[in-house]
């Protein structure tokens, strides 16, 4: 059985590169997106059947995905896609960048 590897931010540049590398190493990648539109983009470019939608602000969804995949490690590359959005929505930015990883650790 291949190692299961959840990757947050997989539809961003670094997340996509990481997902490609993990796939090349034989990992079962679970590329997590915060939106259905992002999940659809991932499905267009990668060879997996599903891309789970899981916003790092949703503790229950994160816990469910971790419970379903039972990973040995989780890769967190989630962030706001635009610097302007970070300034426009500072509370959401703080939630994704600081509280989101705490939720991931709590679910693991």
PDB file of N, CA and C in Angstrom:
ATOM      1  N   UNK A   1       0.842  -1.174   0.000  1.00  0.00           N
ATOM      2  CA  UNK A   1       0.000   0.000   0.000  1.00  0.00           C
ATOM      3  C   UNK A   1       0.891   1.242   0.000  1.00  0.00           C
ATOM      4  N   UNK A   2       0.568   2.207  -0.841  1.00  0.00           N
ATOM      5  CA  UNK A   2       1.367   3.424  -0.906  1.00  0.00           C
ATOM      6  C   UNK A   2       1.023   4.353   0.254  1.00  0.00           C
ATOM      7  N   UNK A   3       1.966   5.214   0.560  1.00  0.00           N
ATOM      8  CA  UNK A   3       1.750   6.165   1.652  1.00  0.00           C
ATOM      9  C   UNK A   3       0.745   7.228   1.237  1.00  0.00           C
ATOM     10  N   UNK A   4      -0.214   7.495   2.099  1.00  0.00           N
ATOM     11  CA  UNK A   4      -1.217   8.529   1.839  1.00  0.00           C
ATOM     12  C   UNK A   4      -0.671   9.872   2.296  1.00  0.00           C
ATOM     13  N   UNK A   5      -0.765  10.864   1.422  1.00  0.00           N
ATOM     14  CA  UNK A   5      -0.189  12.170   1.710  1.00  0.00           C
ATOM     15  C   UNK A   5      -1.167  13.285   1.396  1.00  0.00           C
ATOM     16  N   UNK A   6      -1.870  13.815   2.404  1.00  0.00           N
ATOM     17  CA  UNK A   6      -2.691  14.998   2.176  1.00  0.00           C
ATOM     18  C   UNK A   6      -1.797  16.215   1.924  1.00  0.00           C
ATOM     19  N   UNK A   7      -2.176  17.019   0.930  1.00  0.00           N
ATOM     20  CA  UNK A   7      -1.430  18.230   0.596  1.00  0.00           C
ATOM     21  C   UNK A   7      -2.422  19.379   0.526  1.00  0.00           C
ATOM     22  N   UNK A   8      -2.284  20.354   1.429  1.00  0.00           N
ATOM     23  CA  UNK A   8      -3.117  21.543   1.339  1.00  0.00           C
ATOM     24  C   UNK A   8      -2.460  22.508   0.362  1.00  0.00           C
ATOM     25  N   UNK A   9      -3.258  23.347  -0.266  1.00  0.00           N
ATOM     26  CA  UNK A   9      -2.715  24.306  -1.220  1.00  0.00           C
ATOM     27  C   UNK A   9      -2.192  23.662  -2.485  1.00  0.00           C
ATOM     28  N   UNK A  10      -2.728  22.510  -2.835  1.00  0.00           N
ATOM     29  CA  UNK A  10      -2.217  21.757  -3.980  1.00  0.00           C
ATOM     30  C   UNK A  10      -2.509  22.422  -5.323  1.00  0.00           C
ATOM     31  N   UNK A  11      -3.427  23.376  -5.361  1.00  0.00           N
ATOM     32  CA  UNK A  11      -3.677  24.045  -6.636  1.00  0.00           C
ATOM     33  C   UNK A  11      -2.846  25.314  -6.778  1.00  0.00           C
ATOM     34  N   UNK A  12      -1.939  25.572  -5.839  1.00  0.00           N
ATOM     35  CA  UNK A  12      -0.968  26.650  -5.977  1.00  0.00           C
ATOM     36  C   UNK A  12       0.301  26.128  -6.620  1.00  0.00           C
ATOM     37  N   UNK A  13       1.207  27.013  -6.940  1.00  0.00           N
ATOM     38  CA  UNK A  13       2.440  26.629  -7.629  1.00  0.00           C
ATOM     39  C   UNK A  13       3.240  25.601  -6.839  1.00  0.00           C
ATOM     40  N   UNK A  14       3.582  25.914  -5.598  1.00  0.00           N
ATOM     41  CA  UNK A  14       4.419  25.006  -4.805  1.00  0.00           C
ATOM     42  C   UNK A  14       3.692  23.716  -4.465  1.00  0.00           C
ATOM     43  N   UNK A  15       2.396  23.833  -4.148  1.00  0.00           N
ATOM     44  CA  UNK A  15       1.611  22.644  -3.839  1.00  0.00           C
ATOM     45  C   UNK A  15       1.520  21.691  -5.026  1.00  0.00           C
ATOM     46  N   UNK A  16       1.379  22.259  -6.222  1.00  0.00           N
ATOM     47  CA  UNK A  16       1.304  21.433  -7.428  1.00  0.00           C
ATOM     48  C   UNK A  16       2.632  20.719  -7.680  1.00  0.00           C
ATOM     49  N   UNK A  17       3.738  21.440  -7.497  1.00  0.00           N
ATOM     50  CA  UNK A  17       5.046  20.799  -7.670  1.00  0.00           C
ATOM     51  C   UNK A  17       5.242  19.679  -6.653  1.00  0.00           C
ATOM     52  N   UNK A  18       4.862  19.936  -5.417  1.00  0.00           N
ATOM     53  CA  UNK A  18       4.987  18.904  -4.389  1.00  0.00           C
ATOM     54  C   UNK A  18       4.118  17.697  -4.719  1.00  0.00           C
ATOM     55  N   UNK A  19       2.877  17.939  -5.128  1.00  0.00           N
ATOM     56  CA  UNK A  19       1.981  16.829  -5.486  1.00  0.00           C
ATOM     57  C   UNK A  19       2.585  15.988  -6.604  1.00  0.00           C
ATOM     58  N   UNK A  20       3.167  16.641  -7.613  1.00  0.00           N
ATOM     59  CA  UNK A  20       3.807  15.905  -8.713  1.00  0.00           C
ATOM     60  C   UNK A  20       4.945  15.030  -8.192  1.00  0.00           C
ATOM     61  N   UNK A  21       5.772  15.583  -7.312  1.00  0.00           N
ATOM     62  CA  UNK A  21       6.892  14.813  -6.772  1.00  0.00           C
ATOM     63  C   UNK A  21       6.417  13.635  -5.934  1.00  0.00           C
ATOM     64  N   UNK A  22       5.414  13.876  -5.100  1.00  0.00           N
ATOM     65  CA  UNK A  22       4.888  12.787  -4.278  1.00  0.00           C
ATOM     66  C   UNK A  22       4.290  11.682  -5.145  1.00  0.00           C
ATOM     67  N   UNK A  23       3.582  12.071  -6.203  1.00  0.00           N
ATOM     68  CA  UNK A  23       3.044  11.069  -7.134  1.00  0.00           C
ATOM     69  C   UNK A  23       4.169  10.268  -7.770  1.00  0.00           C
ATOM     70  N   UNK A  24       5.239  10.958  -8.157  1.00  0.00           N
ATOM     71  CA  UNK A  24       6.385  10.282  -8.776  1.00  0.00           C
ATOM     72  C   UNK A  24       7.029   9.286  -7.814  1.00  0.00           C
ATOM     73  N   UNK A  25       6.974   9.568  -6.509  1.00  0.00           N
ATOM     74  CA  UNK A  25       7.524   8.661  -5.499  1.00  0.00           C
ATOM     75  C   UNK A  25       6.532   7.587  -5.087  1.00  0.00           C
ATOM     76  N   UNK A  26       5.351   7.558  -5.726  1.00  0.00           N
ATOM     77  CA  UNK A  26       4.378   6.510  -5.468  1.00  0.00           C
ATOM     78  C   UNK A  26       3.405   6.784  -4.345  1.00  0.00           C
ATOM     79  N   UNK A  27       3.335   8.020  -3.873  1.00  0.00           N
ATOM     80  CA  UNK A  27       2.390   8.354  -2.801  1.00  0.00           C
ATOM     81  C   UNK A  27       0.965   8.431  -3.344  1.00  0.00           C
ATOM     82  N   UNK A  28       0.027   8.142  -2.480  1.00  0.00           N
ATOM     83  CA  UNK A  28      -1.398   8.331  -2.756  1.00  0.00           C
ATOM     84  C   UNK A  28      -1.729   9.744  -2.284  1.00  0.00           C
ATOM     85  N   UNK A  29      -1.693  10.698  -3.204  1.00  0.00           N
ATOM     86  CA  UNK A  29      -1.833  12.109  -2.860  1.00  0.00           C
ATOM     87  C   UNK A  29      -3.307  12.484  -2.720  1.00  0.00           C
ATOM     88  N   UNK A  30      -3.619  13.155  -1.616  1.00  0.00           N
ATOM     89  CA  UNK A  30      -4.954  13.702  -1.382  1.00  0.00           C
ATOM     90  C   UNK A  30      -4.799  15.214  -1.401  1.00  0.00           C
ATOM     91  N   UNK A  31      -4.974  15.791  -2.576  1.00  0.00           N
ATOM     92  CA  UNK A  31      -4.774  17.223  -2.784  1.00  0.00           C
ATOM     93  C   UNK A  31      -5.995  17.971  -2.292  1.00  0.00           C
ATOM     94  N   UNK A  32      -5.835  18.694  -1.203  1.00  0.00           N
ATOM     95  CA  UNK A  32      -6.961  19.375  -0.577  1.00  0.00           C
ATOM     96  C   UNK A  32      -7.071  20.806  -1.084  1.00  0.00           C
ATOM     97  N   UNK A  33      -8.308  21.201  -1.407  1.00  0.00           N
ATOM     98  CA  UNK A  33      -8.595  22.554  -1.899  1.00  0.00           C
ATOM     99  C   UNK A  33      -9.652  23.190  -1.025  1.00  0.00           C
ATOM    100  N   UNK A  34      -9.642  24.513  -0.962  1.00  0.00           N
ATOM    101  CA  UNK A  34     -10.660  25.192  -0.156  1.00  0.00           C
ATOM    102  C   UNK A  34     -11.934  25.457  -0.938  1.00  0.00           C
ATOM    103  N   UNK A  35     -11.922  25.184  -2.255  1.00  0.00           N
ATOM    104  CA  UNK A  35     -13.127  25.458  -3.054  1.00  0.00           C
ATOM    105  C   UNK A  35     -13.345  24.357  -4.086  1.00  0.00           C
ATOM    106  N   UNK A  36     -14.589  24.228  -4.514  1.00  0.00           N
ATOM    107  CA  UNK A  36     -14.919  23.252  -5.555  1.00  0.00           C
ATOM    108  C   UNK A  36     -14.251  23.631  -6.876  1.00  0.00           C
ATOM    109  N   UNK A  37     -14.134  24.941  -7.151  1.00  0.00           N
ATOM    110  CA  UNK A  37     -13.483  25.379  -8.393  1.00  0.00           C
ATOM    111  C   UNK A  37     -12.015  24.953  -8.407  1.00  0.00           C
ATOM    112  N   UNK A  38     -11.341  25.095  -7.273  1.00  0.00           N
ATOM    113  CA  UNK A  38      -9.954  24.651  -7.185  1.00  0.00           C
ATOM    114  C   UNK A  38      -9.836  23.151  -7.357  1.00  0.00           C
ATOM    115  N   UNK A  39     -10.765  22.412  -6.790  1.00  0.00           N
ATOM    116  CA  UNK A  39     -10.756  20.952  -6.935  1.00  0.00           C
ATOM    117  C   UNK A  39     -10.932  20.554  -8.393  1.00  0.00           C
ATOM    118  N   UNK A  40     -11.820  21.248  -9.108  1.00  0.00           N
ATOM    119  CA  UNK A  40     -12.011  20.944 -10.535  1.00  0.00           C
ATOM    120  C   UNK A  40     -10.732  21.207 -11.328  1.00  0.00           C
ATOM    121  N   UNK A  41     -10.029  22.291 -11.026  1.00  0.00           N
ATOM    122  CA  UNK A  41      -8.765  22.581 -11.717  1.00  0.00           C
ATOM    123  C   UNK A  41      -7.745  21.476 -11.463  1.00  0.00           C
ATOM    124  N   UNK A  42      -7.687  20.991 -10.228  1.00  0.00           N
ATOM    125  CA  UNK A  42      -6.756  19.906  -9.918  1.00  0.00           C
ATOM    126  C   UNK A  42      -7.084  18.643 -10.693  1.00  0.00           C
ATOM    127  N   UNK A  43      -8.371  18.330 -10.781  1.00  0.00           N
ATOM    128  CA  UNK A  43      -8.783  17.118 -11.490  1.00  0.00           C
ATOM    129  C   UNK A  43      -8.449  17.188 -12.974  1.00  0.00           C
ATOM    130  N   UNK A  44      -8.359  18.397 -13.514  1.00  0.00           N
ATOM    131  CA  UNK A  44      -7.993  18.562 -14.926  1.00  0.00           C
ATOM    132  C   UNK A  44      -6.516  18.279 -15.173  1.00  0.00           C
ATOM    133  N   UNK A  45      -5.668  18.465 -14.155  1.00  0.00           N
ATOM    134  CA  UNK A  45      -4.223  18.396 -14.353  1.00  0.00           C
ATOM    135  C   UNK A  45      -3.524  17.208 -13.708  1.00  0.00           C
ATOM    136  N   UNK A  46      -4.215  16.502 -12.822  1.00  0.00           N
ATOM    137  CA  UNK A  46      -3.564  15.402 -12.116  1.00  0.00           C
ATOM    138  C   UNK A  46      -4.361  14.110 -12.278  1.00  0.00           C
ATOM    139  N   UNK A  47      -3.680  12.967 -12.122  1.00  0.00           N
ATOM    140  CA  UNK A  47      -4.313  11.676 -12.405  1.00  0.00           C
ATOM    141  C   UNK A  47      -5.101  11.058 -11.260  1.00  0.00           C
ATOM    142  N   UNK A  48      -5.640  11.834 -10.353  1.00  0.00           N
ATOM    143  CA  UNK A  48      -6.413  11.219  -9.292  1.00  0.00           C
ATOM    144  C   UNK A  48      -7.896  11.364  -9.552  1.00  0.00           C
ATOM    145  N   UNK A  49      -8.672  10.565  -8.840  1.00  0.00           N
ATOM    146  CA  UNK A  49     -10.116  10.521  -9.064  1.00  0.00           C
ATOM    147  C   UNK A  49     -10.869  11.612  -8.319  1.00  0.00           C
ATOM    148  N   UNK A  50     -10.350  12.020  -7.185  1.00  0.00           N
ATOM    149  CA  UNK A  50     -11.030  13.050  -6.385  1.00  0.00           C
ATOM    150  C   UNK A  50     -10.012  14.041  -5.852  1.00  0.00           C
ATOM    151  N   UNK A  51     -10.478  15.231  -5.588  1.00  0.00           N
ATOM    152  CA  UNK A  51      -9.680  16.251  -4.898  1.00  0.00           C
ATOM    153  C   UNK A  51     -10.573  16.784  -3.793  1.00  0.00           C
ATOM    154  N   UNK A  52     -10.335  16.367  -2.565  1.00  0.00           N
ATOM    155  CA  UNK A  52     -11.236  16.760  -1.487  1.00  0.00           C
ATOM    156  C   UNK A  52     -11.275  18.266  -1.273  1.00  0.00           C
ATOM    157  N   UNK A  53     -12.458  18.786  -1.064  1.00  0.00           N
ATOM    158  CA  UNK A  53     -12.624  20.193  -0.720  1.00  0.00           C
ATOM    159  C   UNK A  53     -12.589  20.278   0.796  1.00  0.00           C
ATOM    160  N   UNK A  54     -11.612  21.005   1.303  1.00  0.00           N
ATOM    161  CA  UNK A  54     -11.462  21.133   2.751  1.00  0.00           C
ATOM    162  C   UNK A  54     -10.830  22.478   3.057  1.00  0.00           C
ATOM    163  N   UNK A  55     -11.618  23.380   3.552  1.00  0.00           N
ATOM    164  CA  UNK A  55     -11.134  24.689   3.949  1.00  0.00           C
ATOM    165  C   UNK A  55     -10.474  24.559   5.315  1.00  0.00           C
ATOM    166  N   UNK A  56      -9.307  25.163   5.484  1.00  0.00           N
ATOM    167  CA  UNK A  56      -8.620  25.068   6.770  1.00  0.00           C
ATOM    168  C   UNK A  56      -9.370  25.769   7.890  1.00  0.00           C
ATOM    169  N   UNK A  57     -10.426  26.489   7.556  1.00  0.00           N
ATOM    170  CA  UNK A  57     -11.264  27.102   8.582  1.00  0.00           C
ATOM    171  C   UNK A  57     -12.323  26.133   9.110  1.00  0.00           C
ATOM    172  N   UNK A  58     -12.449  24.952   8.482  1.00  0.00           N
ATOM    173  CA  UNK A  58     -13.486  23.986   8.831  1.00  0.00           C
ATOM    174  C   UNK A  58     -12.866  22.813   9.599  1.00  0.00           C
ATOM    175  N   UNK A  59     -12.865  22.918  10.909  1.00  0.00           N
ATOM    176  CA  UNK A  59     -12.232  21.913  11.758  1.00  0.00           C
ATOM    177  C   UNK A  59     -12.810  20.516  11.544  1.00  0.00           C
ATOM    178  N   UNK A  60     -14.127  20.406  11.458  1.00  0.00           N
ATOM    179  CA  UNK A  60     -14.763  19.096  11.304  1.00  0.00           C
ATOM    180  C   UNK A  60     -14.359  18.437   9.993  1.00  0.00           C
ATOM    181  N   UNK A  61     -14.319  19.202   8.912  1.00  0.00           N
ATOM    182  CA  UNK A  61     -13.951  18.639   7.597  1.00  0.00           C
ATOM    183  C   UNK A  61     -12.491  18.189   7.600  1.00  0.00           C
ATOM    184  N   UNK A  62     -11.629  18.990   8.190  1.00  0.00           N
ATOM    185  CA  UNK A  62     -10.214  18.611   8.277  1.00  0.00           C
ATOM    186  C   UNK A  62     -10.075  17.309   9.069  1.00  0.00           C
ATOM    187  N   UNK A  63     -10.744  17.234  10.192  1.00  0.00           N
ATOM    188  CA  UNK A  63     -10.671  16.018  11.018  1.00  0.00           C
ATOM    189  C   UNK A  63     -11.181  14.802  10.241  1.00  0.00           C
ATOM    190  N   UNK A  64     -12.279  14.956   9.501  1.00  0.00           N
ATOM    191  CA  UNK A  64     -12.819  13.844   8.709  1.00  0.00           C
ATOM    192  C   UNK A  64     -11.819  13.375   7.657  1.00  0.00           C
ATOM    193  N   UNK A  65     -11.189  14.306   6.964  1.00  0.00           N
ATOM    194  CA  UNK A  65     -10.217  13.920   5.938  1.00  0.00           C
ATOM    195  C   UNK A  65      -9.000  13.223   6.536  1.00  0.00           C
ATOM    196  N   UNK A  66      -8.543  13.701   7.666  1.00  0.00           N
ATOM    197  CA  UNK A  66      -7.403  13.050   8.319  1.00  0.00           C
ATOM    198  C   UNK A  66      -7.806  11.650   8.785  1.00  0.00           C
ATOM    199  N   UNK A  67      -8.994  11.528   9.352  1.00  0.00           N
ATOM    200  CA  UNK A  67      -9.478  10.211   9.782  1.00  0.00           C
ATOM    201  C   UNK A  67      -9.628   9.257   8.603  1.00  0.00           C
ATOM    202  N   UNK A  68     -10.116   9.766   7.458  1.00  0.00           N
ATOM    203  CA  UNK A  68     -10.313   8.919   6.276  1.00  0.00           C
ATOM    204  C   UNK A  68      -8.990   8.459   5.672  1.00  0.00           C
ATOM    205  N   UNK A  69      -8.001   9.345   5.615  1.00  0.00           N
ATOM    206  CA  UNK A  69      -6.748   9.020   4.934  1.00  0.00           C
ATOM    207  C   UNK A  69      -5.711   8.373   5.846  1.00  0.00           C
ATOM    208  N   UNK A  70      -5.809   8.600   7.165  1.00  0.00           N
ATOM    209  CA  UNK A  70      -4.850   8.068   8.127  1.00  0.00           C
ATOM    210  C   UNK A  70      -3.399   8.255   7.659  1.00  0.00           C
ATOM    211  N   UNK A  71      -2.993   9.505   7.397  1.00  0.00           N
ATOM    212  CA  UNK A  71      -1.648   9.734   6.861  1.00  0.00           C
ATOM    213  C   UNK A  71      -0.568   9.644   7.935  1.00  0.00           C
ATOM    214  N   UNK A  72       0.653   9.361   7.493  1.00  0.00           N
ATOM    215  CA  UNK A  72       1.812   9.429   8.387  1.00  0.00           C
ATOM    216  C   UNK A  72       2.301  10.865   8.482  1.00  0.00           C
ATOM    217  N   UNK A  73       2.078  11.640   7.426  1.00  0.00           N
ATOM    218  CA  UNK A  73       2.470  13.047   7.422  1.00  0.00           C
ATOM    219  C   UNK A  73       1.489  13.849   6.576  1.00  0.00           C
ATOM    220  N   UNK A  74       1.420  15.121   6.868  1.00  0.00           N
ATOM    221  CA  UNK A  74       0.538  16.045   6.158  1.00  0.00           C
ATOM    222  C   UNK A  74       1.401  17.195   5.656  1.00  0.00           C
ATOM    223  N   UNK A  75       1.192  17.597   4.422  1.00  0.00           N
ATOM    224  CA  UNK A  75       1.945  18.698   3.838  1.00  0.00           C
ATOM    225  C   UNK A  75       1.034  19.918   3.732  1.00  0.00           C
ATOM    226  N   UNK A  76       1.403  20.993   4.408  1.00  0.00           N
ATOM    227  CA  UNK A  76       0.570  22.194   4.433  1.00  0.00           C
ATOM    228  C   UNK A  76       1.230  23.308   3.636  1.00  0.00           C
ATOM    229  N   UNK A  77       0.674  23.589   2.454  1.00  0.00           N
ATOM    230  CA  UNK A  77       1.151  24.687   1.631  1.00  0.00           C
ATOM    231  C   UNK A  77       0.028  25.685   1.351  1.00  0.00           C
ATOM    232  N   UNK A  78      -0.992  25.664   2.169  1.00  0.00           N
ATOM    233  CA  UNK A  78      -2.134  26.558   1.976  1.00  0.00           C
ATOM    234  C   UNK A  78      -1.749  27.993   2.304  1.00  0.00           C
ATOM    235  N   UNK A  79      -2.262  28.906   1.490  1.00  0.00           N
ATOM    236  CA  UNK A  79      -2.090  30.336   1.729  1.00  0.00           C
ATOM    237  C   UNK A  79      -3.057  31.082   0.830  1.00  0.00           C
ATOM    238  N   UNK A  80      -3.157  32.379   1.038  1.00  0.00           N
ATOM    239  CA  UNK A  80      -3.956  33.191   0.116  1.00  0.00           C
ATOM    240  C   UNK A  80      -3.211  33.298  -1.204  1.00  0.00           C
ATOM    241  N   UNK A  81      -3.943  33.247  -2.291  1.00  0.00           N
ATOM    242  CA  UNK A  81      -3.334  33.262  -3.613  1.00  0.00           C
ATOM    243  C   UNK A  81      -2.814  34.645  -3.996  1.00  0.00           C
ATOM    244  N   UNK A  82      -3.284  35.668  -3.343  1.00  0.00           N
ATOM    245  CA  UNK A  82      -2.904  37.015  -3.737  1.00  0.00           C
ATOM    246  C   UNK A  82      -2.502  37.838  -2.525  1.00  0.00           C
ATOM    247  N   UNK A  83      -1.429  38.593  -2.672  1.00  0.00           N
ATOM    248  CA  UNK A  83      -0.981  39.461  -1.583  1.00  0.00           C
ATOM    249  C   UNK A  83      -2.049  40.506  -1.280  1.00  0.00           C
ATOM    250  N   UNK A  84      -2.704  41.024  -2.316  1.00  0.00           N
ATOM    251  CA  UNK A  84      -3.768  42.001  -2.116  1.00  0.00           C
ATOM    252  C   UNK A  84      -4.891  41.452  -1.265  1.00  0.00           C
ATOM    253  N   UNK A  85      -5.258  40.199  -1.506  1.00  0.00           N
ATOM    254  CA  UNK A  85      -6.320  39.568  -0.713  1.00  0.00           C
ATOM    255  C   UNK A  85      -5.897  39.443   0.753  1.00  0.00           C
ATOM    256  N   UNK A  86      -4.614  39.192   0.975  1.00  0.00           N
ATOM    257  CA  UNK A  86      -4.115  39.103   2.344  1.00  0.00           C
ATOM    258  C   UNK A  86      -4.336  40.415   3.090  1.00  0.00           C
ATOM    259  N   UNK A  87      -4.125  41.524   2.401  1.00  0.00           N
ATOM    260  CA  UNK A  87      -4.328  42.835   3.028  1.00  0.00           C
ATOM    261  C   UNK A  87      -5.806  43.159   3.160  1.00  0.00           C
ATOM    262  N   UNK A  88      -6.602  42.737   2.178  1.00  0.00           N
ATOM    263  CA  UNK A  88      -8.040  43.013   2.218  1.00  0.00           C
ATOM    264  C   UNK A  88      -8.766  42.171   3.262  1.00  0.00           C
ATOM    265  N   UNK A  89      -8.261  40.985   3.527  1.00  0.00           N
ATOM    266  CA  UNK A  89      -8.926  40.063   4.456  1.00  0.00           C
ATOM    267  C   UNK A  89      -7.914  39.546   5.483  1.00  0.00           C
ATOM    268  N   UNK A  90      -7.459  40.421   6.371  1.00  0.00           N
ATOM    269  CA  UNK A  90      -6.407  39.997   7.316  1.00  0.00           C
ATOM    270  C   UNK A  90      -6.851  38.906   8.288  1.00  0.00           C
ATOM    271  N   UNK A  91      -8.110  38.913   8.718  1.00  0.00           N
ATOM    272  CA  UNK A  91      -8.569  37.878   9.650  1.00  0.00           C
ATOM    273  C   UNK A  91      -8.578  36.508   8.976  1.00  0.00           C
ATOM    274  N   UNK A  92      -9.041  36.454   7.724  1.00  0.00           N
ATOM    275  CA  UNK A  92      -9.037  35.188   7.000  1.00  0.00           C
ATOM    276  C   UNK A  92      -7.604  34.720   6.754  1.00  0.00           C
ATOM    277  N   UNK A  93      -6.723  35.642   6.433  1.00  0.00           N
ATOM    278  CA  UNK A  93      -5.316  35.300   6.213  1.00  0.00           C
ATOM    279  C   UNK A  93      -4.717  34.704   7.482  1.00  0.00           C
ATOM    280  N   UNK A  94      -4.970  35.340   8.619  1.00  0.00           N
ATOM    281  CA  UNK A  94      -4.461  34.821   9.887  1.00  0.00           C
ATOM    282  C   UNK A  94      -5.028  33.436  10.175  1.00  0.00           C
ATOM    283  N   UNK A  95      -6.294  33.252   9.863  1.00  0.00           N
ATOM    284  CA  UNK A  95      -6.924  31.956  10.116  1.00  0.00           C
ATOM    285  C   UNK A  95      -6.267  30.863   9.280  1.00  0.00           C
ATOM    286  N   UNK A  96      -6.049  31.135   7.998  1.00  0.00           N
ATOM    287  CA  UNK A  96      -5.466  30.124   7.112  1.00  0.00           C
ATOM    288  C   UNK A  96      -3.999  29.858   7.459  1.00  0.00           C
ATOM    289  N   UNK A  97      -3.228  30.920   7.691  1.00  0.00           N
ATOM    290  CA  UNK A  97      -1.790  30.758   7.891  1.00  0.00           C
ATOM    291  C   UNK A  97      -1.392  30.351   9.305  1.00  0.00           C
ATOM    292  N   UNK A  98      -2.175  30.736  10.315  1.00  0.00           N
ATOM    293  CA  UNK A  98      -1.770  30.457  11.689  1.00  0.00           C
ATOM    294  C   UNK A  98      -2.682  29.457  12.382  1.00  0.00           C
ATOM    295  N   UNK A  99      -3.964  29.648  12.290  1.00  0.00           N
ATOM    296  CA  UNK A  99      -4.881  28.751  12.993  1.00  0.00           C
ATOM    297  C   UNK A  99      -5.083  27.456  12.195  1.00  0.00           C
ATOM    298  N   UNK A 100      -5.085  27.547  10.867  1.00  0.00           N
ATOM    299  CA  UNK A 100      -5.260  26.359  10.027  1.00  0.00           C
ATOM    300  C   UNK A 100      -4.267  25.254  10.341  1.00  0.00           C
ATOM    301  N   UNK A 101      -2.957  25.562  10.439  1.00  0.00           N
ATOM    302  CA  UNK A 101      -2.006  24.505  10.797  1.00  0.00           C
ATOM    303  C   UNK A 101      -2.269  23.896  12.176  1.00  0.00           C
ATOM    304  N   UNK A 102      -2.764  24.721  13.107  1.00  0.00           N
ATOM    305  CA  UNK A 102      -3.104  24.178  14.422  1.00  0.00           C
ATOM    306  C   UNK A 102      -4.244  23.177  14.295  1.00  0.00           C
ATOM    307  N   UNK A 103      -5.227  23.492  13.435  1.00  0.00           N
ATOM    308  CA  UNK A 103      -6.328  22.535  13.200  1.00  0.00           C
ATOM    309  C   UNK A 103      -5.793  21.242  12.586  1.00  0.00           C
ATOM    310  N   UNK A 104      -4.880  21.360  11.636  1.00  0.00           N
ATOM    311  CA  UNK A 104      -4.286  20.168  11.023  1.00  0.00           C
ATOM    312  C   UNK A 104      -3.570  19.324  12.063  1.00  0.00           C
ATOM    313  N   UNK A 105      -2.780  19.964  12.902  1.00  0.00           N
ATOM    314  CA  UNK A 105      -2.061  19.224  13.955  1.00  0.00           C
ATOM    315  C   UNK A 105      -3.025  18.582  14.942  1.00  0.00           C
ATOM    316  N   UNK A 106      -4.080  19.292  15.280  1.00  0.00           N
ATOM    317  CA  UNK A 106      -5.069  18.740  16.203  1.00  0.00           C
ATOM    318  C   UNK A 106      -5.813  17.555  15.636  1.00  0.00           C
ATOM    319  N   UNK A 107      -5.969  17.528  14.331  1.00  0.00           N
ATOM    320  CA  UNK A 107      -6.681  16.426  13.677  1.00  0.00           C
ATOM    321  C   UNK A 107      -5.784  15.229  13.438  1.00  0.00           C
ATOM    322  N   UNK A 108      -4.474  15.439  13.430  1.00  0.00           N
ATOM    323  CA  UNK A 108      -3.527  14.363  13.108  1.00  0.00           C
ATOM    324  C   UNK A 108      -3.298  13.441  14.281  1.00  0.00           C
TER     325      UNK A 108
END
